[in-house]
Amino acid sequence: MTSMNLYFRRIFRNSVRLYFAPLFGAFKGARDEVRLVLQEIERNRQTSKTTN
């Protein structure tokens, strides 16, 4: 009976991970994109300071 409980727990845990995986992937992608945009803004600020 214990092995059956472990089996069901694994199935449940994996299914929850698979269910939320696209959401976490989208969040990580958005976070990375924001980081890139902020880096580009900072680079533009630095180049505009050096040209002025």
N, C-alpha and C. Protein backbone atom coordinates (compact mmCIF):
# COMPACT_ATOMS: atom_id res chain seq x y z
N MET A 1 0.82 -1.20 0.00
CA MET A 1 0.00 0.00 0.00
C MET A 1 0.87 1.26 0.00
N THR A 2 1.98 1.21 0.69
CA THR A 2 2.86 2.37 0.76
C THR A 2 3.44 2.70 -0.61
N SER A 3 3.83 1.68 -1.35
CA SER A 3 4.37 1.94 -2.69
C SER A 3 3.31 2.54 -3.60
N MET A 4 2.07 2.17 -3.42
CA MET A 4 0.99 2.73 -4.21
C MET A 4 0.79 4.20 -3.87
N ASN A 5 0.91 4.55 -2.58
CA ASN A 5 0.79 5.96 -2.18
C ASN A 5 1.93 6.79 -2.78
N LEU A 6 3.13 6.25 -2.75
CA LEU A 6 4.27 6.96 -3.34
C LEU A 6 4.07 7.14 -4.84
N TYR A 7 3.54 6.14 -5.48
CA TYR A 7 3.28 6.20 -6.91
C TYR A 7 2.30 7.33 -7.22
N PHE A 8 1.22 7.40 -6.46
CA PHE A 8 0.22 8.45 -6.69
C PHE A 8 0.78 9.83 -6.37
N ARG A 9 1.60 9.92 -5.36
CA ARG A 9 2.22 11.21 -5.04
C ARG A 9 3.12 11.68 -6.17
N ARG A 10 3.89 10.77 -6.73
CA ARG A 10 4.77 11.13 -7.85
C ARG A 10 3.97 11.59 -9.05
N ILE A 11 2.90 10.88 -9.34
CA ILE A 11 2.05 11.26 -10.47
C ILE A 11 1.47 12.65 -10.23
N PHE A 12 0.96 12.89 -9.04
CA PHE A 12 0.36 14.19 -8.73
C PHE A 12 1.40 15.30 -8.80
N ARG A 13 2.56 15.08 -8.22
CA ARG A 13 3.62 16.09 -8.21
C ARG A 13 4.07 16.42 -9.63
N ASN A 14 4.26 15.39 -10.42
CA ASN A 14 4.70 15.62 -11.81
C ASN A 14 3.62 16.29 -12.64
N SER A 15 2.37 15.94 -12.41
CA SER A 15 1.30 16.56 -13.19
C SER A 15 1.15 18.03 -12.83
N VAL A 16 1.36 18.37 -11.55
CA VAL A 16 1.30 19.78 -11.15
C VAL A 16 2.45 20.54 -11.79
N ARG A 17 3.63 19.96 -11.81
CA ARG A 17 4.78 20.61 -12.45
C ARG A 17 4.52 20.82 -13.93
N LEU A 18 4.00 19.81 -14.59
CA LEU A 18 3.73 19.94 -16.03
C LEU A 18 2.63 20.96 -16.30
N TYR A 19 1.67 21.05 -15.41
CA TYR A 19 0.56 22.00 -15.58
C TYR A 19 1.06 23.44 -15.49
N PHE A 20 1.95 23.70 -14.54
CA PHE A 20 2.42 25.06 -14.33
C PHE A 20 3.69 25.40 -15.11
N ALA A 21 4.28 24.46 -15.79
CA ALA A 21 5.52 24.70 -16.51
C ALA A 21 5.40 25.82 -17.54
N PRO A 22 4.34 25.88 -18.35
CA PRO A 22 4.24 26.99 -19.31
C PRO A 22 4.17 28.36 -18.63
N LEU A 23 3.50 28.41 -17.50
CA LEU A 23 3.39 29.67 -16.77
C LEU A 23 4.76 30.12 -16.27
N PHE A 24 5.50 29.20 -15.67
CA PHE A 24 6.84 29.55 -15.18
C PHE A 24 7.76 29.89 -16.34
N GLY A 25 7.64 29.18 -17.44
CA GLY A 25 8.45 29.49 -18.61
C GLY A 25 8.16 30.88 -19.15
N ALA A 26 6.88 31.24 -19.18
CA ALA A 26 6.51 32.58 -19.65
C ALA A 26 7.03 33.64 -18.70
N PHE A 27 6.95 33.39 -17.41
CA PHE A 27 7.44 34.34 -16.42
C PHE A 27 8.95 34.54 -16.56
N LYS A 28 9.68 33.44 -16.71
CA LYS A 28 11.13 33.54 -16.86
C LYS A 28 11.49 34.26 -18.16
N GLY A 29 10.77 33.98 -19.22
CA GLY A 29 11.03 34.65 -20.49
C GLY A 29 10.78 36.15 -20.40
N ALA A 30 9.70 36.52 -19.75
CA ALA A 30 9.38 37.94 -19.59
C ALA A 30 10.43 38.63 -18.73
N ARG A 31 10.86 37.96 -17.67
CA ARG A 31 11.88 38.52 -16.79
C ARG A 31 13.20 38.72 -17.55
N ASP A 32 13.57 37.74 -18.36
CA ASP A 32 14.80 37.87 -19.15
C ASP A 32 14.69 39.00 -20.17
N GLU A 33 13.53 39.14 -20.77
CA GLU A 33 13.32 40.20 -21.76
C GLU A 33 13.41 41.57 -21.09
N VAL A 34 12.82 41.72 -19.93
CA VAL A 34 12.90 42.99 -19.20
C VAL A 34 14.35 43.30 -18.84
N ARG A 35 15.09 42.30 -18.44
CA ARG A 35 16.50 42.49 -18.10
C ARG A 35 17.28 42.98 -19.33
N LEU A 36 17.02 42.40 -20.49
CA LEU A 36 17.69 42.84 -21.71
C LEU A 36 17.33 44.28 -22.08
N VAL A 37 16.07 44.63 -21.94
CA VAL A 37 15.63 45.98 -22.27
C VAL A 37 16.28 46.98 -21.31
N LEU A 38 16.34 46.66 -20.04
CA LEU A 38 16.97 47.56 -19.07
C LEU A 38 18.46 47.72 -19.36
N GLN A 39 19.12 46.66 -19.77
CA GLN A 39 20.53 46.75 -20.13
C GLN A 39 20.73 47.65 -21.36
N GLU A 40 19.83 47.51 -22.32
CA GLU A 40 19.92 48.35 -23.51
C GLU A 40 19.69 49.82 -23.17
N ILE A 41 18.75 50.09 -22.30
CA ILE A 41 18.50 51.47 -21.86
C ILE A 41 19.74 52.04 -21.18
N GLU A 42 20.35 51.25 -20.32
CA GLU A 42 21.56 51.70 -19.62
C GLU A 42 22.70 51.96 -20.61
N ARG A 43 22.86 51.10 -21.59
CA ARG A 43 23.89 51.32 -22.62
C ARG A 43 23.63 52.61 -23.38
N ASN A 44 22.37 52.86 -23.72
CA ASN A 44 22.03 54.09 -24.44
C ASN A 44 22.30 55.32 -23.59
N ARG A 45 22.03 55.22 -22.30
CA ARG A 45 22.33 56.35 -21.40
C ARG A 45 23.83 56.62 -21.35
N GLN A 46 24.60 55.57 -21.26
CA GLN A 46 26.05 55.74 -21.18
C GLN A 46 26.62 56.32 -22.46
N THR A 47 26.11 55.88 -23.60
CA THR A 47 26.62 56.42 -24.87
C THR A 47 26.18 57.87 -25.05
N SER A 48 24.98 58.21 -24.58
CA SER A 48 24.53 59.60 -24.72
C SER A 48 25.31 60.51 -23.77
N LYS A 49 25.74 60.01 -22.63
CA LYS A 49 26.55 60.82 -21.71
C LYS A 49 27.92 61.09 -22.30
N THR A 50 28.49 60.10 -22.97
CA THR A 50 29.83 60.27 -23.53
C THR A 50 29.83 61.16 -24.76
N THR A 51 28.72 61.22 -25.49
CA THR A 51 28.66 62.04 -26.70
C THR A 51 28.32 63.48 -26.36
N ASN A 52 27.73 63.75 -25.20
CA ASN A 52 27.37 65.12 -24.82
C ASN A 52 28.47 65.83 -24.17
